[in-house]
């Protein structure tokens, strides 16, 4: 009876984490797809957060999103959402998508499958697998992350981006003359050289 009285905890699950560029130091668009069953998913009133995502150490946008501003497909985009005007902000590698920059009422987005895209992200300079450090959706009523404490302990490590060094072009094989052929050629050159001297 006591267990039945406990409210079910809402969940958020990252279903993919990828980039259009996987070379060391390369620049690409990072995509995070996720699902949530949080019925109050959305930013809290007063311009609260809707989604927060912390990229792996070494990934950077060079401060492109340090000023809170309306998101656009050329910056940060949250899809598919209707009735939601997103604003974006970045601080210490954490990318925030909110409903508005200040004031206003919350917009409940609701449960479903969504995609967060962060454009023009520079990769770490070294090769290897990297994983999303943190990802949370937010409850529009309480203003708390879902689940409480964020999604850092969920399945983020299941979808690494593998930064791989460019393979060195294979060297073109230079034909090598066999030793017998080399000796024969040397003999011919010597023979013709002697004949010219005699003439």
C-alpha atoms as a PDB file:
ATOM      1  CA  UNK A   1       0.000   0.000   0.000  1.00  0.00           C
ATOM      2  CA  UNK A   2       2.846   2.380   0.809  1.00  0.00           C
ATOM      3  CA  UNK A   3       4.578   1.660  -2.506  1.00  0.00           C
ATOM      4  CA  UNK A   4       1.369   2.289  -4.416  1.00  0.00           C
ATOM      5  CA  UNK A   5       1.099   5.734  -2.848  1.00  0.00           C
ATOM      6  CA  UNK A   6       4.531   6.810  -4.097  1.00  0.00           C
ATOM      7  CA  UNK A   7       4.358   8.924  -7.271  1.00  0.00           C
ATOM      8  CA  UNK A   8       6.090   7.494 -10.309  1.00  0.00           C
ATOM      9  CA  UNK A   9       9.358   9.224 -11.178  1.00  0.00           C
ATOM     10  CA  UNK A  10       9.432  10.742 -14.637  1.00  0.00           C
ATOM     11  CA  UNK A  11      12.276   9.665 -16.891  1.00  0.00           C
ATOM     12  CA  UNK A  12      14.392  11.113 -19.662  1.00  0.00           C
ATOM     13  CA  UNK A  13      16.413   8.849 -21.940  1.00  0.00           C
ATOM     14  CA  UNK A  14      19.037   9.957 -24.441  1.00  0.00           C
ATOM     15  CA  UNK A  15      18.611   7.869 -27.600  1.00  0.00           C
ATOM     16  CA  UNK A  16      21.535   9.223 -29.645  1.00  0.00           C
ATOM     17  CA  UNK A  17      24.485  11.602 -29.421  1.00  0.00           C
ATOM     18  CA  UNK A  18      26.278  12.296 -32.690  1.00  0.00           C
ATOM     19  CA  UNK A  19      28.230  14.863 -34.688  1.00  0.00           C
ATOM     20  CA  UNK A  20      28.597  15.656 -38.376  1.00  0.00           C
ATOM     21  CA  UNK A  21      32.383  15.838 -37.866  1.00  0.00           C
ATOM     22  CA  UNK A  22      34.462  13.229 -36.023  1.00  0.00           C
ATOM     23  CA  UNK A  23      38.024  14.366 -36.737  1.00  0.00           C
ATOM     24  CA  UNK A  24      40.272  15.840 -33.995  1.00  0.00           C
ATOM     25  CA  UNK A  25      39.746  19.604 -33.870  1.00  0.00           C
ATOM     26  CA  UNK A  26      37.057  19.397 -36.567  1.00  0.00           C
ATOM     27  CA  UNK A  27      33.914  21.542 -36.479  1.00  0.00           C
ATOM     28  CA  UNK A  28      30.484  19.954 -36.786  1.00  0.00           C
ATOM     29  CA  UNK A  29      26.871  20.041 -35.646  1.00  0.00           C
ATOM     30  CA  UNK A  30      26.123  17.999 -32.536  1.00  0.00           C
ATOM     31  CA  UNK A  31      22.740  16.278 -32.261  1.00  0.00           C
ATOM     32  CA  UNK A  32      21.166  14.875 -29.095  1.00  0.00           C
ATOM     33  CA  UNK A  33      17.905  12.961 -29.436  1.00  0.00           C
ATOM     34  CA  UNK A  34      15.951  12.085 -26.324  1.00  0.00           C
ATOM     35  CA  UNK A  35      12.629  10.848 -25.026  1.00  0.00           C
ATOM     36  CA  UNK A  36      10.780  11.882 -21.891  1.00  0.00           C
ATOM     37  CA  UNK A  37       7.545  10.882 -20.217  1.00  0.00           C
ATOM     38  CA  UNK A  38       7.512  14.051 -18.090  1.00  0.00           C
ATOM     39  CA  UNK A  39       4.022  15.537 -18.534  1.00  0.00           C
ATOM     40  CA  UNK A  40       5.245  18.936 -17.256  1.00  0.00           C
ATOM     41  CA  UNK A  41       8.335  19.019 -19.482  1.00  0.00           C
ATOM     42  CA  UNK A  42       9.010  22.674 -20.214  1.00  0.00           C
ATOM     43  CA  UNK A  43      10.555  25.759 -18.640  1.00  0.00           C
ATOM     44  CA  UNK A  44       9.227  27.052 -15.353  1.00  0.00           C
ATOM     45  CA  UNK A  45       7.704  30.512 -15.149  1.00  0.00           C
ATOM     46  CA  UNK A  46      10.036  33.491 -15.243  1.00  0.00           C
ATOM     47  CA  UNK A  47      12.174  32.173 -18.063  1.00  0.00           C
ATOM     48  CA  UNK A  48      13.209  28.901 -16.486  1.00  0.00           C
ATOM     49  CA  UNK A  49      15.131  26.224 -18.331  1.00  0.00           C
ATOM     50  CA  UNK A  50      13.600  23.638 -20.637  1.00  0.00           C
ATOM     51  CA  UNK A  51      16.700  21.561 -21.467  1.00  0.00           C
ATOM     52  CA  UNK A  52      20.290  21.636 -20.266  1.00  0.00           C
ATOM     53  CA  UNK A  53      23.115  19.705 -21.912  1.00  0.00           C
ATOM     54  CA  UNK A  54      26.794  19.624 -20.971  1.00  0.00           C
ATOM     55  CA  UNK A  55      29.092  18.578 -23.804  1.00  0.00           C
ATOM     56  CA  UNK A  56      32.228  16.479 -23.198  1.00  0.00           C
ATOM     57  CA  UNK A  57      35.390  18.231 -22.028  1.00  0.00           C
ATOM     58  CA  UNK A  58      37.284  19.532 -25.035  1.00  0.00           C
ATOM     59  CA  UNK A  59      34.182  20.220 -27.134  1.00  0.00           C
ATOM     60  CA  UNK A  60      33.621  23.955 -27.578  1.00  0.00           C
ATOM     61  CA  UNK A  61      31.675  26.560 -29.497  1.00  0.00           C
ATOM     62  CA  UNK A  62      34.252  29.250 -28.724  1.00  0.00           C
ATOM     63  CA  UNK A  63      31.837  31.379 -26.687  1.00  0.00           C
ATOM     64  CA  UNK A  64      29.312  31.706 -29.530  1.00  0.00           C
ATOM     65  CA  UNK A  65      26.371  31.309 -27.154  1.00  0.00           C
ATOM     66  CA  UNK A  66      27.557  33.203 -24.073  1.00  0.00           C
ATOM     67  CA  UNK A  67      24.885  35.867 -24.631  1.00  0.00           C
ATOM     68  CA  UNK A  68      21.303  34.707 -24.156  1.00  0.00           C
ATOM     69  CA  UNK A  69      19.492  35.168 -27.444  1.00  0.00           C
ATOM     70  CA  UNK A  70      16.724  33.586 -29.522  1.00  0.00           C
ATOM     71  CA  UNK A  71      17.776  30.199 -30.860  1.00  0.00           C
ATOM     72  CA  UNK A  72      17.788  29.573 -34.592  1.00  0.00           C
ATOM     73  CA  UNK A  73      18.726  26.679 -36.899  1.00  0.00           C
ATOM     74  CA  UNK A  74      22.173  28.284 -37.296  1.00  0.00           C
ATOM     75  CA  UNK A  75      22.776  28.182 -33.525  1.00  0.00           C
ATOM     76  CA  UNK A  76      20.842  25.864 -31.214  1.00  0.00           C
ATOM     77  CA  UNK A  77      17.568  24.248 -32.152  1.00  0.00           C
ATOM     78  CA  UNK A  78      15.055  22.159 -30.209  1.00  0.00           C
ATOM     79  CA  UNK A  79      12.636  20.193 -32.395  1.00  0.00           C
ATOM     80  CA  UNK A  80       9.870  19.211 -32.767  1.00  0.00           C
ATOM     81  CA  UNK A  81       8.121  21.735 -30.531  1.00  0.00           C
ATOM     82  CA  UNK A  82       5.047  23.882 -31.138  1.00  0.00           C
ATOM     83  CA  UNK A  83       4.122  27.032 -29.249  1.00  0.00           C
ATOM     84  CA  UNK A  84       7.642  27.361 -27.872  1.00  0.00           C
ATOM     85  CA  UNK A  85      10.005  30.240 -28.612  1.00  0.00           C
ATOM     86  CA  UNK A  86      13.411  29.015 -27.426  1.00  0.00           C
ATOM     87  CA  UNK A  87      16.252  31.144 -26.113  1.00  0.00           C
ATOM     88  CA  UNK A  88      19.792  29.794 -25.819  1.00  0.00           C
ATOM     89  CA  UNK A  89      22.647  30.377 -23.407  1.00  0.00           C
ATOM     90  CA  UNK A  90      26.001  28.678 -22.725  1.00  0.00           C
ATOM     91  CA  UNK A  91      28.150  28.771 -19.627  1.00  0.00           C
ATOM     92  CA  UNK A  92      31.111  26.524 -18.731  1.00  0.00           C
ATOM     93  CA  UNK A  93      30.240  24.036 -21.460  1.00  0.00           C
ATOM     94  CA  UNK A  94      26.595  23.782 -20.392  1.00  0.00           C
ATOM     95  CA  UNK A  95      24.074  24.653 -23.077  1.00  0.00           C
ATOM     96  CA  UNK A  96      20.658  25.858 -21.927  1.00  0.00           C
ATOM     97  CA  UNK A  97      17.469  26.134 -23.950  1.00  0.00           C
ATOM     98  CA  UNK A  98      14.802  28.213 -22.223  1.00  0.00           C
ATOM     99  CA  UNK A  99      11.331  29.471 -23.100  1.00  0.00           C
ATOM    100  CA  UNK A 100      12.165  33.172 -22.960  1.00  0.00           C
ATOM    101  CA  UNK A 101      14.968  35.406 -21.752  1.00  0.00           C
ATOM    102  CA  UNK A 102      13.052  36.848 -18.764  1.00  0.00           C
ATOM    103  CA  UNK A 103       9.550  36.971 -17.317  1.00  0.00           C
ATOM    104  CA  UNK A 104       6.458  35.452 -18.833  1.00  0.00           C
ATOM    105  CA  UNK A 105       4.657  32.247 -18.045  1.00  0.00           C
ATOM    106  CA  UNK A 106       5.837  28.715 -18.595  1.00  0.00           C
ATOM    107  CA  UNK A 107       5.001  26.735 -21.720  1.00  0.00           C
ATOM    108  CA  UNK A 108       4.479  23.041 -21.064  1.00  0.00           C
ATOM    109  CA  UNK A 109       5.964  21.045 -23.936  1.00  0.00           C
ATOM    110  CA  UNK A 110       4.933  17.646 -22.624  1.00  0.00           C
ATOM    111  CA  UNK A 111       6.157  14.077 -23.084  1.00  0.00           C
ATOM    112  CA  UNK A 112       7.548  12.856 -26.388  1.00  0.00           C
ATOM    113  CA  UNK A 113      10.650  12.454 -28.517  1.00  0.00           C
ATOM    114  CA  UNK A 114      12.793  15.516 -29.218  1.00  0.00           C
ATOM    115  CA  UNK A 115      16.018  16.580 -30.910  1.00  0.00           C
ATOM    116  CA  UNK A 116      18.481  19.175 -29.638  1.00  0.00           C
ATOM    117  CA  UNK A 117      21.032  20.408 -32.179  1.00  0.00           C
ATOM    118  CA  UNK A 118      24.048  22.568 -31.272  1.00  0.00           C
ATOM    119  CA  UNK A 119      25.779  23.961 -34.353  1.00  0.00           C
ATOM    120  CA  UNK A 120      29.452  24.704 -35.036  1.00  0.00           C
ATOM    121  CA  UNK A 121      30.963  22.663 -32.212  1.00  0.00           C
ATOM    122  CA  UNK A 122      34.750  22.190 -32.259  1.00  0.00           C
ATOM    123  CA  UNK A 123      35.938  18.689 -31.346  1.00  0.00           C
ATOM    124  CA  UNK A 124      38.668  17.841 -28.841  1.00  0.00           C
ATOM    125  CA  UNK A 125      42.171  17.877 -30.334  1.00  0.00           C
ATOM    126  CA  UNK A 126      42.873  14.240 -29.486  1.00  0.00           C
ATOM    127  CA  UNK A 127      41.289  11.044 -30.768  1.00  0.00           C
ATOM    128  CA  UNK A 128      39.100   8.741 -28.701  1.00  0.00           C
ATOM    129  CA  UNK A 129      35.495   8.158 -27.608  1.00  0.00           C
ATOM    130  CA  UNK A 130      33.702  11.049 -25.880  1.00  0.00           C
ATOM    131  CA  UNK A 131      30.328  10.974 -24.148  1.00  0.00           C
ATOM    132  CA  UNK A 132      27.746  13.565 -23.201  1.00  0.00           C
ATOM    133  CA  UNK A 133      28.541  14.780 -19.678  1.00  0.00           C
ATOM    134  CA  UNK A 134      25.051  15.807 -18.547  1.00  0.00           C
ATOM    135  CA  UNK A 135      21.558  16.089 -19.928  1.00  0.00           C
ATOM    136  CA  UNK A 136      18.343  17.187 -18.197  1.00  0.00           C
ATOM    137  CA  UNK A 137      14.820  18.212 -19.061  1.00  0.00           C
ATOM    138  CA  UNK A 138      13.020  20.500 -16.618  1.00  0.00           C
ATOM    139  CA  UNK A 139       9.649  20.443 -14.902  1.00  0.00           C
ATOM    140  CA  UNK A 140       7.565  23.510 -15.778  1.00  0.00           C
ATOM    141  CA  UNK A 141       5.786  23.443 -12.423  1.00  0.00           C
ATOM    142  CA  UNK A 142       8.601  22.927  -9.937  1.00  0.00           C
ATOM    143  CA  UNK A 143      11.498  24.216 -12.030  1.00  0.00           C
ATOM    144  CA  UNK A 144      13.469  21.110 -11.061  1.00  0.00           C
ATOM    145  CA  UNK A 145      15.501  18.850 -13.355  1.00  0.00           C
ATOM    146  CA  UNK A 146      14.001  15.524 -14.398  1.00  0.00           C
ATOM    147  CA  UNK A 147      14.871  13.233 -12.792  1.00  0.00           C
ATOM    148  CA  UNK A 148      15.851  15.157  -9.640  1.00  0.00           C
ATOM    149  CA  UNK A 149      19.586  15.748  -9.779  1.00  0.00           C
ATOM    150  CA  UNK A 150      19.675  15.661 -13.560  1.00  0.00           C
ATOM    151  CA  UNK A 151      20.228  12.862 -16.016  1.00  0.00           C
ATOM    152  CA  UNK A 152      23.950  12.449 -15.424  1.00  0.00           C
ATOM    153  CA  UNK A 153      23.501   8.916 -14.092  1.00  0.00           C
ATOM    154  CA  UNK A 154      21.377   7.586 -16.920  1.00  0.00           C
ATOM    155  CA  UNK A 155      22.431   6.103 -20.250  1.00  0.00           C
ATOM    156  CA  UNK A 156      24.681   8.888 -21.547  1.00  0.00           C
ATOM    157  CA  UNK A 157      27.685   6.580 -21.914  1.00  0.00           C
ATOM    158  CA  UNK A 158      25.784   4.316 -24.316  1.00  0.00           C
ATOM    159  CA  UNK A 159      26.254   6.731 -27.223  1.00  0.00           C
ATOM    160  CA  UNK A 160      29.870   7.903 -27.508  1.00  0.00           C
ATOM    161  CA  UNK A 161      31.124   9.996 -30.390  1.00  0.00           C
ATOM    162  CA  UNK A 162      34.394   8.462 -31.582  1.00  0.00           C
ATOM    163  CA  UNK A 163      36.881  11.174 -32.519  1.00  0.00           C
ATOM    164  CA  UNK A 164      39.192   9.382 -34.907  1.00  0.00           C
ATOM    165  CA  UNK A 165      42.513  10.533 -36.357  1.00  0.00           C
ATOM    166  CA  UNK A 166      42.555  10.892 -40.101  1.00  0.00           C
ATOM    167  CA  UNK A 167      44.169   7.845 -41.660  1.00  0.00           C
ATOM    168  CA  UNK A 168      47.499   8.659 -43.272  1.00  0.00           C
ATOM    169  CA  UNK A 169      47.448   8.186 -47.047  1.00  0.00           C
ATOM    170  CA  UNK A 170      49.190   4.983 -48.050  1.00  0.00           C
ATOM    171  CA  UNK A 171      52.606   5.563 -49.605  1.00  0.00           C
ATOM    172  CA  UNK A 172      52.834   4.921 -53.341  1.00  0.00           C
ATOM    173  CA  UNK A 173      55.072   1.951 -53.994  1.00  0.00           C
ATOM    174  CA  UNK A 174      58.201   2.822 -55.959  1.00  0.00           C
ATOM    175  CA  UNK A 175      59.227   0.027 -58.324  1.00  0.00           C
ATOM    176  CA  UNK A 176      62.573  -1.460 -57.283  1.00  0.00           C
ATOM    177  CA  UNK A 177      64.781  -3.075 -59.881  1.00  0.00           C
ATOM    178  CA  UNK A 178      65.974  -6.571 -58.964  1.00  0.00           C
ATOM    179  CA  UNK A 179      69.697  -6.925 -58.206  1.00  0.00           C
ATOM    180  CA  UNK A 180      70.293  -9.049 -61.326  1.00  0.00           C
ATOM    181  CA  UNK A 181      68.668  -6.398 -63.536  1.00  0.00           C
ATOM    182  CA  UNK A 182      70.680  -3.652 -61.846  1.00  0.00           C
ATOM    183  CA  UNK A 183      73.940  -5.534 -62.503  1.00  0.00           C
ATOM    184  CA  UNK A 184      72.952  -6.167 -66.109  1.00  0.00           C
ATOM    185  CA  UNK A 185      72.158  -2.471 -66.635  1.00  0.00           C
ATOM    186  CA  UNK A 186      75.460  -1.485 -65.075  1.00  0.00           C
ATOM    187  CA  UNK A 187      77.256  -3.901 -67.400  1.00  0.00           C
ATOM    188  CA  UNK A 188      75.568  -2.468 -70.503  1.00  0.00           C
ATOM    189  CA  UNK A 189      76.371   1.103 -69.494  1.00  0.00           C
ATOM    190  CA  UNK A 190      79.978   0.088 -68.908  1.00  0.00           C
ATOM    191  CA  UNK A 191      80.183  -1.758 -72.260  1.00  0.00           C
ATOM    192  CA  UNK A 192      78.821   1.171 -74.249  1.00  0.00           C
ATOM    193  CA  UNK A 193      81.088   3.502 -72.308  1.00  0.00           C
ATOM    194  CA  UNK A 194      84.176   1.468 -73.285  1.00  0.00           C
ATOM    195  CA  UNK A 195      83.127   1.331 -76.953  1.00  0.00           C
ATOM    196  CA  UNK A 196      82.800   5.117 -77.025  1.00  0.00           C
ATOM    197  CA  UNK A 197      86.249   5.494 -75.480  1.00  0.00           C
ATOM    198  CA  UNK A 198      87.792   3.186 -78.131  1.00  0.00           C
ATOM    199  CA  UNK A 199      86.220   5.249 -80.896  1.00  0.00           C
END
